[in-house]
Amino acid sequence: MSEPYVICIGRQLGSGGRQIGHILAQELDINYYDKEILSIAAEESGLGRNVFERTDEHKGFFRSFLGAVQPFIGGGDFYANQLSEENLFTLQSGVIKKLASEHSCLFIGRVADYILRDHPRRITIFISANMEDRARRVMDERKVDFKQAIHLIQEGDNQRAGYYNFYSSGTWGSADTYDLCINSSLLGISETAAFIKEFIAKRINLEFMPDVNQPTPELF
C-alpha cells in the first residue's frame, strides 16, 4: 500500500475547479474535501457551522459579524477569543492536518496547500479559466446575468486572494506558489482533469490501477 498523498487545489471563481476536483477524487479513489471541512470543524469545536461558513475563505468578515452579535451576547471578550478569524482558521487547519495524516485526499481551497506544506507527498494546483467561460458558469449556477456574474467573479476572487495571502507565505494565483497552474478553458473540464491526473502520477511516482470497467484490449 502506497503512502498517503494530498492534492490541494486553488481556483478562480467559475474556473470549474470544484468539478475537476470531483473528477480527480473519483478517478483516484480518494476522499474529497471542500465545505465538508466546515462541518467537521464545527462538530469538533462545538461551534455552529454557520460561524465557519460566514468566514469561509473570507478575510475580514469576523469584525462585522462579531459587532452584530455582541449586543446580544454580553461583553464579548470570551467570544472574541473563541470566534476570532485566526482561531477559526486554526481549528480548520487542525482538521485538514488530521485528515491528511489518515488517508490520501483532495482539498479544495482553504489554504490547504500552505497548511500541509510539510506533507512529504503534497501536490499543489491552481486552476484558472478565460473570463467568458467563468462568467457562463456563474450565470448558469447563480441564475444571474452577465454583468452580475462579472461582479460576483471579481468579488469572489478578491475574497479568496485576501484570505489566502493573509494566512500563507505565498501569493494566490501566482505561478511560483504552486506545482502546476492550468487554464481549464484550453482543454475543457474533462481533459484538464486527465492532464492533472497524469501530472500527479509523475509528480509522486503514482501507479494507477487499471480501469476494470474498460474492455480488455485484443492481444492479436
N, C-alpha and C. Protein backbone atom coordinates (compact mmCIF):
# COMPACT_ATOMS: atom_id res chain seq x y z
N MET A 1 0.85 -1.20 0.00
CA MET A 1 0.00 0.00 0.00
C MET A 1 0.88 1.24 0.00
N SER A 2 0.64 2.17 -0.93
CA SER A 2 1.47 3.37 -1.03
C SER A 2 1.16 4.34 0.09
N GLU A 3 2.11 5.21 0.38
CA GLU A 3 1.92 6.21 1.42
C GLU A 3 0.87 7.24 0.99
N PRO A 4 0.13 7.78 1.95
CA PRO A 4 -0.91 8.77 1.60
C PRO A 4 -0.31 9.98 0.90
N TYR A 5 -1.08 10.55 0.00
CA TYR A 5 -0.71 11.78 -0.67
C TYR A 5 -1.88 12.75 -0.62
N VAL A 6 -1.60 14.02 -0.82
CA VAL A 6 -2.66 15.03 -0.78
C VAL A 6 -2.58 15.91 -2.02
N ILE A 7 -3.73 16.22 -2.56
CA ILE A 7 -3.84 17.15 -3.68
C ILE A 7 -4.56 18.39 -3.17
N CYS A 8 -3.95 19.55 -3.37
CA CYS A 8 -4.53 20.81 -2.91
C CYS A 8 -4.82 21.68 -4.13
N ILE A 9 -6.09 22.03 -4.32
CA ILE A 9 -6.49 22.80 -5.49
C ILE A 9 -6.98 24.18 -5.10
N GLY A 10 -6.30 25.20 -5.63
CA GLY A 10 -6.80 26.56 -5.57
C GLY A 10 -7.48 26.86 -6.89
N ARG A 11 -8.41 27.80 -6.91
CA ARG A 11 -9.14 28.02 -8.16
C ARG A 11 -9.77 29.40 -8.21
N GLN A 12 -9.86 29.93 -9.42
CA GLN A 12 -10.62 31.14 -9.66
C GLN A 12 -12.11 30.79 -9.62
N LEU A 13 -12.93 31.74 -9.21
CA LEU A 13 -14.37 31.51 -9.22
C LEU A 13 -14.84 31.30 -10.66
N GLY A 14 -15.57 30.21 -10.88
CA GLY A 14 -16.08 29.92 -12.20
C GLY A 14 -15.13 29.17 -13.11
N SER A 15 -13.99 28.75 -12.58
CA SER A 15 -12.99 28.06 -13.40
C SER A 15 -13.27 26.57 -13.57
N GLY A 16 -14.24 26.06 -12.83
CA GLY A 16 -14.51 24.62 -12.87
C GLY A 16 -13.64 23.82 -11.92
N GLY A 17 -12.99 24.50 -10.99
CA GLY A 17 -12.07 23.83 -10.06
C GLY A 17 -12.72 22.75 -9.22
N ARG A 18 -13.92 23.02 -8.72
CA ARG A 18 -14.60 22.02 -7.91
C ARG A 18 -14.97 20.80 -8.75
N GLN A 19 -15.47 21.03 -9.96
CA GLN A 19 -15.84 19.92 -10.83
C GLN A 19 -14.62 19.06 -11.17
N ILE A 20 -13.52 19.71 -11.47
CA ILE A 20 -12.28 18.99 -11.75
C ILE A 20 -11.83 18.21 -10.52
N GLY A 21 -11.95 18.82 -9.36
CA GLY A 21 -11.59 18.14 -8.12
C GLY A 21 -12.41 16.88 -7.89
N HIS A 22 -13.72 16.98 -8.16
CA HIS A 22 -14.59 15.81 -8.01
C HIS A 22 -14.17 14.68 -8.95
N ILE A 23 -13.86 15.04 -10.20
CA ILE A 23 -13.44 14.03 -11.17
C ILE A 23 -12.16 13.34 -10.70
N LEU A 24 -11.19 14.14 -10.26
CA LEU A 24 -9.91 13.58 -9.81
C LEU A 24 -10.09 12.67 -8.60
N ALA A 25 -10.86 13.13 -7.63
CA ALA A 25 -11.06 12.33 -6.42
C ALA A 25 -11.75 11.01 -6.74
N GLN A 26 -12.71 11.05 -7.65
CA GLN A 26 -13.41 9.83 -8.03
C GLN A 26 -12.49 8.87 -8.78
N GLU A 27 -11.74 9.40 -9.74
CA GLU A 27 -10.88 8.53 -10.53
C GLU A 27 -9.69 8.00 -9.74
N LEU A 28 -9.22 8.78 -8.77
CA LEU A 28 -8.10 8.34 -7.95
C LEU A 28 -8.56 7.55 -6.72
N ASP A 29 -9.88 7.54 -6.52
CA ASP A 29 -10.47 6.82 -5.39
C ASP A 29 -9.92 7.33 -4.06
N ILE A 30 -9.96 8.65 -3.92
CA ILE A 30 -9.52 9.28 -2.66
C ILE A 30 -10.62 10.20 -2.15
N ASN A 31 -10.54 10.59 -0.89
CA ASN A 31 -11.55 11.45 -0.29
C ASN A 31 -11.48 12.87 -0.83
N TYR A 32 -12.64 13.47 -1.00
CA TYR A 32 -12.77 14.85 -1.49
C TYR A 32 -13.26 15.72 -0.35
N TYR A 33 -12.57 16.84 -0.09
CA TYR A 33 -12.97 17.74 0.99
C TYR A 33 -13.06 19.17 0.48
N ASP A 34 -14.22 19.74 0.69
CA ASP A 34 -14.45 21.14 0.35
C ASP A 34 -15.14 21.76 1.56
N LYS A 35 -16.41 22.00 1.47
CA LYS A 35 -17.14 22.55 2.61
C LYS A 35 -17.35 21.51 3.72
N GLU A 36 -17.04 20.27 3.42
CA GLU A 36 -17.10 19.24 4.47
C GLU A 36 -16.20 19.59 5.64
N ILE A 37 -15.11 20.32 5.34
CA ILE A 37 -14.19 20.75 6.40
C ILE A 37 -14.92 21.59 7.44
N LEU A 38 -15.86 22.42 6.99
CA LEU A 38 -16.58 23.30 7.91
C LEU A 38 -17.43 22.49 8.88
N SER A 39 -18.09 21.45 8.37
CA SER A 39 -18.93 20.62 9.24
C SER A 39 -18.09 19.89 10.28
N ILE A 40 -16.95 19.36 9.84
CA ILE A 40 -16.08 18.63 10.77
C ILE A 40 -15.51 19.57 11.83
N ALA A 41 -15.07 20.75 11.40
CA ALA A 41 -14.51 21.73 12.35
C ALA A 41 -15.58 22.18 13.34
N ALA A 42 -16.79 22.38 12.85
CA ALA A 42 -17.88 22.81 13.73
C ALA A 42 -18.20 21.73 14.76
N GLU A 43 -18.22 20.48 14.31
CA GLU A 43 -18.53 19.37 15.22
C GLU A 43 -17.45 19.20 16.27
N GLU A 44 -16.19 19.30 15.85
CA GLU A 44 -15.09 19.07 16.80
C GLU A 44 -14.91 20.24 17.77
N SER A 45 -15.28 21.45 17.33
CA SER A 45 -15.09 22.62 18.19
C SER A 45 -16.29 22.93 19.06
N GLY A 46 -17.45 22.40 18.66
CA GLY A 46 -18.67 22.71 19.40
C GLY A 46 -19.31 24.01 18.96
N LEU A 47 -18.72 24.69 17.98
CA LEU A 47 -19.28 25.92 17.45
C LEU A 47 -20.22 25.59 16.30
N GLY A 48 -21.14 26.49 16.02
CA GLY A 48 -22.08 26.26 14.94
C GLY A 48 -21.41 26.34 13.58
N ARG A 49 -21.89 25.53 12.63
CA ARG A 49 -21.32 25.55 11.29
C ARG A 49 -21.48 26.92 10.65
N ASN A 50 -22.56 27.63 10.98
CA ASN A 50 -22.79 28.94 10.35
C ASN A 50 -21.66 29.91 10.66
N VAL A 51 -21.00 29.75 11.81
CA VAL A 51 -19.87 30.62 12.15
C VAL A 51 -18.74 30.40 11.16
N PHE A 52 -18.44 29.14 10.85
CA PHE A 52 -17.38 28.84 9.90
C PHE A 52 -17.77 29.23 8.48
N GLU A 53 -19.03 29.03 8.13
CA GLU A 53 -19.47 29.35 6.77
C GLU A 53 -19.36 30.84 6.49
N ARG A 54 -19.66 31.66 7.48
CA ARG A 54 -19.65 33.11 7.25
C ARG A 54 -18.25 33.67 7.13
N THR A 55 -17.27 32.94 7.58
CA THR A 55 -15.88 33.40 7.44
C THR A 55 -15.11 32.56 6.43
N ASP A 56 -15.79 31.65 5.75
CA ASP A 56 -15.14 30.71 4.85
C ASP A 56 -14.43 31.43 3.70
N GLU A 57 -13.09 31.32 3.66
CA GLU A 57 -12.27 31.94 2.62
C GLU A 57 -12.61 33.43 2.45
N HIS A 58 -12.91 34.06 3.56
CA HIS A 58 -13.34 35.46 3.52
C HIS A 58 -12.68 36.21 4.68
N LYS A 59 -11.56 36.83 4.44
CA LYS A 59 -10.85 37.56 5.49
C LYS A 59 -11.51 38.90 5.73
N GLY A 60 -11.80 39.20 7.01
CA GLY A 60 -12.35 40.50 7.36
C GLY A 60 -13.81 40.47 7.74
N PHE A 61 -14.49 39.33 7.50
CA PHE A 61 -15.91 39.25 7.85
C PHE A 61 -16.13 39.27 9.35
N PHE A 62 -15.19 38.68 10.08
CA PHE A 62 -15.40 38.47 11.52
C PHE A 62 -15.71 39.75 12.28
N ARG A 63 -15.03 40.85 11.93
CA ARG A 63 -15.23 42.09 12.68
C ARG A 63 -16.68 42.56 12.60
N SER A 64 -17.27 42.51 11.41
CA SER A 64 -18.66 42.95 11.27
C SER A 64 -19.61 41.93 11.91
N PHE A 65 -19.25 40.63 11.82
CA PHE A 65 -20.09 39.60 12.40
C PHE A 65 -20.13 39.72 13.92
N LEU A 66 -18.95 39.85 14.55
CA LEU A 66 -18.89 39.94 16.00
C LEU A 66 -19.56 41.22 16.48
N GLY A 67 -19.40 42.32 15.73
CA GLY A 67 -20.04 43.57 16.11
C GLY A 67 -21.54 43.45 16.11
N ALA A 68 -22.06 42.61 15.23
CA ALA A 68 -23.50 42.45 15.14
C ALA A 68 -24.05 41.59 16.28
N VAL A 69 -23.27 40.59 16.74
CA VAL A 69 -23.79 39.67 17.75
C VAL A 69 -23.45 40.10 19.18
N GLN A 70 -22.44 40.95 19.36
CA GLN A 70 -22.03 41.31 20.71
C GLN A 70 -23.14 41.92 21.56
N PRO A 71 -24.01 42.79 21.01
CA PRO A 71 -25.08 43.34 21.85
C PRO A 71 -25.99 42.27 22.44
N PHE A 72 -26.00 41.08 21.82
CA PHE A 72 -26.90 40.03 22.29
C PHE A 72 -26.19 39.01 23.17
N ILE A 73 -24.84 39.07 23.23
CA ILE A 73 -24.12 38.04 23.98
C ILE A 73 -23.31 38.63 25.14
N GLY A 74 -23.47 39.92 25.40
CA GLY A 74 -22.78 40.49 26.55
C GLY A 74 -21.47 41.15 26.18
N GLY A 75 -20.50 41.06 27.09
CA GLY A 75 -19.24 41.79 26.93
C GLY A 75 -18.47 41.43 25.69
N GLY A 76 -18.45 40.17 25.32
CA GLY A 76 -17.83 39.78 24.06
C GLY A 76 -16.40 39.31 24.16
N ASP A 77 -15.74 39.47 25.33
CA ASP A 77 -14.34 39.07 25.41
C ASP A 77 -14.18 37.57 25.16
N PHE A 78 -15.02 36.76 25.77
CA PHE A 78 -14.93 35.32 25.57
C PHE A 78 -15.13 34.96 24.10
N TYR A 79 -16.14 35.56 23.49
CA TYR A 79 -16.44 35.25 22.09
C TYR A 79 -15.37 35.80 21.16
N ALA A 80 -14.79 36.92 21.52
CA ALA A 80 -13.72 37.47 20.70
C ALA A 80 -12.53 36.52 20.67
N ASN A 81 -12.28 35.86 21.81
CA ASN A 81 -11.18 34.90 21.87
C ASN A 81 -11.52 33.61 21.14
N GLN A 82 -12.77 33.13 21.31
CA GLN A 82 -13.16 31.85 20.74
C GLN A 82 -13.50 31.93 19.25
N LEU A 83 -14.02 33.08 18.80
CA LEU A 83 -14.51 33.18 17.44
C LEU A 83 -13.66 34.06 16.53
N SER A 84 -12.46 34.41 16.98
CA SER A 84 -11.62 35.23 16.10
C SER A 84 -11.33 34.48 14.82
N GLU A 85 -11.13 35.21 13.75
CA GLU A 85 -10.84 34.58 12.46
C GLU A 85 -9.61 33.68 12.56
N GLU A 86 -8.61 34.13 13.32
CA GLU A 86 -7.39 33.36 13.46
C GLU A 86 -7.65 32.03 14.16
N ASN A 87 -8.52 32.05 15.19
CA ASN A 87 -8.84 30.81 15.89
C ASN A 87 -9.67 29.87 15.02
N LEU A 88 -10.59 30.43 14.25
CA LEU A 88 -11.37 29.61 13.34
C LEU A 88 -10.47 28.98 12.29
N PHE A 89 -9.50 29.74 11.81
CA PHE A 89 -8.55 29.21 10.84
C PHE A 89 -7.72 28.10 11.46
N THR A 90 -7.31 28.28 12.71
CA THR A 90 -6.53 27.26 13.41
C THR A 90 -7.33 25.97 13.57
N LEU A 91 -8.62 26.10 13.89
CA LEU A 91 -9.47 24.93 14.03
C LEU A 91 -9.59 24.18 12.70
N GLN A 92 -9.81 24.92 11.62
CA GLN A 92 -9.91 24.28 10.30
C GLN A 92 -8.58 23.65 9.91
N SER A 93 -7.48 24.32 10.23
CA SER A 93 -6.16 23.78 9.91
C SER A 93 -5.93 22.46 10.60
N GLY A 94 -6.35 22.36 11.86
CA GLY A 94 -6.20 21.11 12.59
C GLY A 94 -6.96 19.98 11.94
N VAL A 95 -8.16 20.27 11.46
CA VAL A 95 -8.97 19.25 10.78
C VAL A 95 -8.28 18.81 9.49
N ILE A 96 -7.77 19.76 8.72
CA ILE A 96 -7.10 19.44 7.45
C ILE A 96 -5.86 18.58 7.70
N LYS A 97 -5.07 18.93 8.70
CA LYS A 97 -3.86 18.14 9.01
C LYS A 97 -4.23 16.73 9.46
N LYS A 98 -5.25 16.62 10.26
CA LYS A 98 -5.67 15.31 10.75
C LYS A 98 -6.11 14.41 9.60
N LEU A 99 -6.95 14.96 8.72
CA LEU A 99 -7.45 14.17 7.59
C LEU A 99 -6.30 13.74 6.67
N ALA A 100 -5.38 14.68 6.42
CA ALA A 100 -4.25 14.37 5.53
C ALA A 100 -3.32 13.33 6.12
N SER A 101 -3.29 13.22 7.43
CA SER A 101 -2.43 12.23 8.07
C SER A 101 -3.04 10.84 8.07
N GLU A 102 -4.34 10.76 7.82
CA GLU A 102 -5.05 9.49 7.91
C GLU A 102 -5.18 8.76 6.58
N HIS A 103 -5.33 9.53 5.48
CA HIS A 103 -5.53 8.88 4.18
C HIS A 103 -5.27 9.87 3.05
N SER A 104 -5.11 9.34 1.86
CA SER A 104 -4.96 10.21 0.69
C SER A 104 -6.25 10.98 0.46
N CYS A 105 -6.12 12.25 0.09
CA CYS A 105 -7.32 13.05 -0.08
C CYS A 105 -7.04 14.28 -0.94
N LEU A 106 -8.12 14.91 -1.35
CA LEU A 106 -8.05 16.12 -2.17
C LEU A 106 -8.78 17.24 -1.46
N PHE A 107 -8.14 18.40 -1.36
CA PHE A 107 -8.73 19.56 -0.70
C PHE A 107 -8.96 20.67 -1.71
N ILE A 108 -10.11 21.32 -1.61
CA ILE A 108 -10.42 22.49 -2.42
C ILE A 108 -10.27 23.74 -1.56
N GLY A 109 -9.35 24.62 -1.96
CA GLY A 109 -9.19 25.89 -1.27
C GLY A 109 -8.75 25.79 0.17
N ARG A 110 -9.16 26.79 0.98
CA ARG A 110 -8.90 26.86 2.41
C ARG A 110 -7.43 26.84 2.79
N VAL A 111 -6.57 27.31 1.88
CA VAL A 111 -5.14 27.43 2.13
C VAL A 111 -4.53 26.07 2.51
N ALA A 112 -5.17 25.00 2.05
CA ALA A 112 -4.70 23.65 2.42
C ALA A 112 -3.28 23.41 1.94
N ASP A 113 -2.90 23.99 0.80
CA ASP A 113 -1.54 23.78 0.30
C ASP A 113 -0.49 24.32 1.26
N TYR A 114 -0.79 25.45 1.89
CA TYR A 114 0.16 26.03 2.85
C TYR A 114 0.08 25.29 4.19
N ILE A 115 -1.12 24.97 4.62
CA ILE A 115 -1.30 24.24 5.88
C ILE A 115 -0.54 22.91 5.84
N LEU A 116 -0.52 22.29 4.67
CA LEU A 116 0.12 20.97 4.51
C LEU A 116 1.49 21.09 3.85
N ARG A 117 2.13 22.23 4.01
CA ARG A 117 3.41 22.48 3.33
C ARG A 117 4.51 21.50 3.73
N ASP A 118 4.38 20.85 4.89
CA ASP A 118 5.39 19.90 5.32
C ASP A 118 5.02 18.46 4.96
N HIS A 119 3.88 18.27 4.32
CA HIS A 119 3.49 16.91 3.93
C HIS A 119 4.43 16.41 2.84
N PRO A 120 5.00 15.22 2.99
CA PRO A 120 6.00 14.73 2.04
C PRO A 120 5.47 14.41 0.65
N ARG A 121 4.15 14.20 0.53
CA ARG A 121 3.57 13.84 -0.77
C ARG A 121 2.40 14.79 -1.07
N ARG A 122 2.73 16.04 -1.22
CA ARG A 122 1.73 17.09 -1.45
C ARG A 122 1.87 17.60 -2.88
N ILE A 123 0.74 17.73 -3.58
CA ILE A 123 0.71 18.30 -4.92
C ILE A 123 -0.19 19.53 -4.89
N THR A 124 0.32 20.66 -5.33
CA THR A 124 -0.46 21.90 -5.29
C THR A 124 -0.77 22.37 -6.71
N ILE A 125 -2.02 22.72 -6.92
CA ILE A 125 -2.51 23.07 -8.26
C ILE A 125 -3.38 24.31 -8.19
N PHE A 126 -3.26 25.17 -9.20
CA PHE A 126 -4.16 26.32 -9.30
C PHE A 126 -4.84 26.28 -10.65
N ILE A 127 -6.17 26.40 -10.64
CA ILE A 127 -6.97 26.33 -11.87
C ILE A 127 -7.58 27.68 -12.18
N SER A 128 -7.31 28.16 -13.38
CA SER A 128 -7.90 29.40 -13.87
C SER A 128 -8.73 29.08 -15.10
N ALA A 129 -9.36 30.10 -15.70
CA ALA A 129 -10.12 29.90 -16.94
C ALA A 129 -10.33 31.26 -17.58
N ASN A 130 -10.68 31.26 -18.85
CA ASN A 130 -10.99 32.50 -19.54
C ASN A 130 -12.25 33.13 -18.95
N MET A 131 -12.30 34.45 -18.94
CA MET A 131 -13.41 35.16 -18.30
C MET A 131 -14.76 34.78 -18.90
N GLU A 132 -14.82 34.56 -20.20
CA GLU A 132 -16.09 34.20 -20.82
C GLU A 132 -16.63 32.88 -20.26
N ASP A 133 -15.75 31.91 -20.11
CA ASP A 133 -16.16 30.61 -19.57
C ASP A 133 -16.55 30.74 -18.10
N ARG A 134 -15.81 31.52 -17.37
CA ARG A 134 -16.12 31.72 -15.95
C ARG A 134 -17.47 32.38 -15.78
N ALA A 135 -17.72 33.42 -16.56
CA ALA A 135 -19.00 34.13 -16.47
C ALA A 135 -20.16 33.22 -16.83
N ARG A 136 -19.98 32.39 -17.85
CA ARG A 136 -21.05 31.48 -18.27
C ARG A 136 -21.39 30.50 -17.14
N ARG A 137 -20.37 29.97 -16.49
CA ARG A 137 -20.62 29.02 -15.40
C ARG A 137 -21.34 29.70 -14.24
N VAL A 138 -20.91 30.89 -13.90
CA VAL A 138 -21.54 31.61 -12.79
C VAL A 138 -22.97 31.98 -13.15
N MET A 139 -23.21 32.38 -14.40
CA MET A 139 -24.57 32.71 -14.84
C MET A 139 -25.48 31.49 -14.71
N ASP A 140 -24.97 30.32 -15.11
CA ASP A 140 -25.77 29.10 -15.05
C ASP A 140 -26.03 28.67 -13.61
N GLU A 141 -25.00 28.77 -12.78
CA GLU A 141 -25.12 28.29 -11.40
C GLU A 141 -25.92 29.24 -10.53
N ARG A 142 -25.66 30.53 -10.65
CA ARG A 142 -26.30 31.51 -9.77
C ARG A 142 -27.58 32.12 -10.36
N LYS A 143 -27.85 31.81 -11.63
CA LYS A 143 -29.02 32.36 -12.30
C LYS A 143 -28.99 33.89 -12.32
N VAL A 144 -27.89 34.44 -12.79
CA VAL A 144 -27.71 35.89 -12.88
C VAL A 144 -27.34 36.25 -14.31
N ASP A 145 -27.39 37.56 -14.62
CA ASP A 145 -27.00 37.98 -15.96
C ASP A 145 -25.48 38.18 -16.02
N PHE A 146 -24.98 38.53 -17.20
CA PHE A 146 -23.53 38.62 -17.41
C PHE A 146 -22.90 39.67 -16.49
N LYS A 147 -23.51 40.82 -16.37
CA LYS A 147 -22.95 41.88 -15.53
C LYS A 147 -22.86 41.46 -14.07
N GLN A 148 -23.89 40.81 -13.59
CA GLN A 148 -23.88 40.33 -12.20
C GLN A 148 -22.83 39.23 -12.02
N ALA A 149 -22.69 38.39 -13.04
CA ALA A 149 -21.70 37.31 -12.96
C ALA A 149 -20.29 37.87 -12.84
N ILE A 150 -19.98 38.88 -13.63
CA ILE A 150 -18.65 39.51 -13.57
C ILE A 150 -18.41 40.10 -12.19
N HIS A 151 -19.43 40.74 -11.63
CA HIS A 151 -19.30 41.33 -10.29
C HIS A 151 -19.03 40.23 -9.25
N LEU A 152 -19.75 39.12 -9.33
CA LEU A 152 -19.55 38.02 -8.39
C LEU A 152 -18.16 37.41 -8.53
N ILE A 153 -17.68 37.31 -9.77
CA ILE A 153 -16.34 36.77 -10.02
C ILE A 153 -15.28 37.66 -9.39
N GLN A 154 -15.38 38.95 -9.63
CA GLN A 154 -14.39 39.88 -9.08
C GLN A 154 -14.43 39.88 -7.56
N GLU A 155 -15.62 39.87 -7.00
CA GLU A 155 -15.77 39.86 -5.54
C GLU A 155 -15.22 38.56 -4.96
N GLY A 156 -15.57 37.43 -5.59
CA GLY A 156 -15.11 36.14 -5.09
C GLY A 156 -13.61 35.99 -5.16
N ASP A 157 -13.01 36.41 -6.28
CA ASP A 157 -11.56 36.31 -6.41
C ASP A 157 -10.85 37.19 -5.39
N ASN A 158 -11.39 38.39 -5.17
CA ASN A 158 -10.76 39.29 -4.19
C ASN A 158 -10.82 38.70 -2.79
N GLN A 159 -11.93 38.08 -2.44
CA GLN A 159 -12.06 37.47 -1.11
C GLN A 159 -11.09 36.30 -0.95
N ARG A 160 -11.00 35.46 -1.97
CA ARG A 160 -10.10 34.32 -1.90
C ARG A 160 -8.65 34.75 -1.83
N ALA A 161 -8.30 35.75 -2.64
CA ALA A 161 -6.93 36.25 -2.63
C ALA A 161 -6.57 36.86 -1.28
N GLY A 162 -7.48 37.65 -0.72
CA GLY A 162 -7.21 38.27 0.57
C GLY A 162 -7.03 37.25 1.67
N TYR A 163 -7.87 36.22 1.66
CA TYR A 163 -7.81 35.15 2.67
C TYR A 163 -6.51 34.38 2.53
N TYR A 164 -6.20 33.97 1.30
CA TYR A 164 -5.01 33.16 1.06
C TYR A 164 -3.73 33.94 1.37
N ASN A 165 -3.65 35.17 0.89
CA ASN A 165 -2.43 35.97 1.08
C ASN A 165 -2.19 36.32 2.53
N PHE A 166 -3.26 36.41 3.33
CA PHE A 166 -3.11 36.73 4.74
C PHE A 166 -2.56 35.54 5.52
N TYR A 167 -3.08 34.35 5.22
CA TYR A 167 -2.73 33.17 6.03
C TYR A 167 -1.55 32.37 5.51
N SER A 168 -1.08 32.64 4.31
CA SER A 168 0.04 31.87 3.76
C SER A 168 1.21 32.78 3.45
N SER A 169 2.32 32.16 3.08
CA SER A 169 3.50 32.92 2.67
C SER A 169 3.57 33.05 1.15
N GLY A 170 2.56 32.51 0.47
CA GLY A 170 2.53 32.57 -0.99
C GLY A 170 1.61 33.67 -1.48
N THR A 171 1.40 33.69 -2.79
CA THR A 171 0.50 34.66 -3.41
C THR A 171 -0.56 33.90 -4.20
N TRP A 172 -1.82 34.16 -3.89
CA TRP A 172 -2.92 33.45 -4.53
C TRP A 172 -2.86 33.61 -6.04
N GLY A 173 -2.84 32.50 -6.75
CA GLY A 173 -2.86 32.53 -8.21
C GLY A 173 -1.52 32.75 -8.87
N SER A 174 -0.46 32.98 -8.10
CA SER A 174 0.86 33.23 -8.67
C SER A 174 1.55 31.90 -8.99
N ALA A 175 2.15 31.82 -10.18
CA ALA A 175 2.72 30.55 -10.65
C ALA A 175 3.76 29.97 -9.70
N ASP A 176 4.56 30.84 -9.06
CA ASP A 176 5.63 30.31 -8.21
C ASP A 176 5.12 29.80 -6.85
N THR A 177 3.82 29.88 -6.62
CA THR A 177 3.24 29.38 -5.38
C THR A 177 2.80 27.92 -5.51
N TYR A 178 2.62 27.45 -6.74
CA TYR A 178 2.02 26.12 -6.96
C TYR A 178 2.94 25.23 -7.80
N ASP A 179 2.67 23.92 -7.71
CA ASP A 179 3.39 22.98 -8.57
C ASP A 179 2.93 23.09 -10.01
N LEU A 180 1.64 23.35 -10.19
CA LEU A 180 1.06 23.41 -11.53
C LEU A 180 -0.06 24.45 -11.57
N CYS A 181 0.00 25.33 -12.57
CA CYS A 181 -1.09 26.27 -12.85
C CYS A 181 -1.62 25.93 -14.23
N ILE A 182 -2.93 25.83 -14.37
CA ILE A 182 -3.50 25.42 -15.65
C ILE A 182 -4.80 26.16 -15.93
N ASN A 183 -5.00 26.52 -17.21
CA ASN A 183 -6.21 27.19 -17.67
C ASN A 183 -7.17 26.14 -18.19
N SER A 184 -8.29 25.94 -17.51
CA SER A 184 -9.22 24.87 -17.88
C SER A 184 -9.95 25.16 -19.19
N SER A 185 -9.89 26.40 -19.67
CA SER A 185 -10.55 26.73 -20.93
C SER A 185 -9.83 26.11 -22.12
N LEU A 186 -8.54 25.84 -21.97
CA LEU A 186 -7.75 25.34 -23.09
C LEU A 186 -8.10 23.91 -23.46
N LEU A 187 -8.33 23.05 -22.47
CA LEU A 187 -8.60 21.65 -22.73
C LEU A 187 -10.03 21.24 -22.38
N GLY A 188 -10.73 22.07 -21.64
CA GLY A 188 -12.05 21.68 -21.15
C GLY A 188 -11.94 20.95 -19.82
N ILE A 189 -13.04 20.79 -19.15
CA ILE A 189 -13.04 20.23 -17.80
C ILE A 189 -12.49 18.80 -17.77
N SER A 190 -13.01 17.92 -18.60
CA SER A 190 -12.61 16.51 -18.55
C SER A 190 -11.14 16.32 -18.91
N GLU A 191 -10.69 16.98 -19.98
CA GLU A 191 -9.31 16.83 -20.41
C GLU A 191 -8.34 17.51 -19.45
N THR A 192 -8.78 18.59 -18.82
CA THR A 192 -7.94 19.23 -17.81
C THR A 192 -7.74 18.29 -16.64
N ALA A 193 -8.81 17.63 -16.21
CA ALA A 193 -8.71 16.65 -15.13
C ALA A 193 -7.77 15.51 -15.51
N ALA A 194 -7.86 15.06 -16.76
CA ALA A 194 -6.98 13.97 -17.22
C ALA A 194 -5.53 14.42 -17.24
N PHE A 195 -5.29 15.64 -17.67
CA PHE A 195 -3.92 16.18 -17.71
C PHE A 195 -3.35 16.26 -16.29
N ILE A 196 -4.15 16.76 -15.36
CA ILE A 196 -3.70 16.89 -13.98
C ILE A 196 -3.43 15.51 -13.38
N LYS A 197 -4.27 14.55 -13.71
CA LYS A 197 -4.09 13.19 -13.20
C LYS A 197 -2.73 12.63 -13.63
N GLU A 198 -2.37 12.85 -14.88
CA GLU A 198 -1.07 12.38 -15.36
C GLU A 198 0.08 13.13 -14.69
N PHE A 199 -0.13 14.41 -14.45
CA PHE A 199 0.89 15.20 -13.75
C PHE A 199 1.11 14.67 -12.34
N ILE A 200 0.02 14.36 -11.66
CA ILE A 200 0.10 13.82 -10.30
C ILE A 200 0.89 12.51 -10.30
N ALA A 201 0.59 11.65 -11.27
CA ALA A 201 1.27 10.36 -11.34
C ALA A 201 2.77 10.53 -11.47
N LYS A 202 3.20 11.47 -12.31
CA LYS A 202 4.62 11.70 -12.50
C LYS A 202 5.25 12.43 -11.32
N ARG A 203 4.47 13.29 -10.71
CA ARG A 203 4.98 14.11 -9.60
C ARG A 203 5.34 13.27 -8.39
N ILE A 204 4.55 12.25 -8.09
CA ILE A 204 4.79 11.46 -6.87
C ILE A 204 4.99 9.98 -7.20
N ASN A 205 5.29 9.67 -8.45
CA ASN A 205 5.53 8.27 -8.86
C ASN A 205 4.36 7.38 -8.47
N LEU A 206 3.18 7.82 -8.85
CA LEU A 206 1.96 7.10 -8.50
C LEU A 206 1.56 6.19 -9.66
N GLU A 207 1.31 4.92 -9.35
CA GLU A 207 0.86 3.98 -10.35
C GLU A 207 -0.64 3.77 -10.21
N PHE A 208 -1.35 3.94 -11.31
CA PHE A 208 -2.79 3.78 -11.29
C PHE A 208 -3.16 2.32 -11.54
N MET A 209 -4.19 1.89 -10.85
CA MET A 209 -4.73 0.55 -11.12
C MET A 209 -5.49 0.61 -12.44
N PRO A 210 -5.47 -0.47 -13.23
CA PRO A 210 -6.22 -0.47 -14.48
C PRO A 210 -7.71 -0.35 -14.23
N ASP A 211 -8.41 0.33 -15.15
CA ASP A 211 -9.85 0.52 -15.04
C ASP A 211 -10.55 -0.77 -15.40
N VAL A 212 -11.17 -1.40 -14.40
CA VAL A 212 -11.80 -2.71 -14.64
C VAL A 212 -13.03 -2.58 -15.53
N ASN A 213 -13.54 -1.36 -15.68
CA ASN A 213 -14.73 -1.15 -16.50
C ASN A 213 -14.40 -1.06 -17.98
N GLN A 214 -13.11 -0.91 -18.29
CA GLN A 214 -12.71 -0.82 -19.66
C GLN A 214 -12.51 -2.21 -20.25
N PRO A 215 -12.91 -2.41 -21.51
CA PRO A 215 -12.75 -3.73 -22.11
C PRO A 215 -11.27 -4.10 -22.27
N THR A 216 -10.95 -5.37 -22.12
CA THR A 216 -9.58 -5.83 -22.29
C THR A 216 -9.17 -5.75 -23.77
N PRO A 217 -8.06 -5.09 -24.06
CA PRO A 217 -7.66 -4.95 -25.45
C PRO A 217 -7.33 -6.29 -26.08
N GLU A 218 -7.59 -6.38 -27.39
CA GLU A 218 -7.26 -7.60 -28.10
C GLU A 218 -5.74 -7.78 -28.16
N LEU A 219 -5.30 -9.00 -27.96
CA LEU A 219 -3.86 -9.26 -27.99
C LEU A 219 -3.36 -9.43 -29.41
N PHE A 220 -4.24 -9.77 -30.33
CA PHE A 220 -3.81 -10.02 -31.70
C PHE A 220 -4.64 -9.18 -32.68
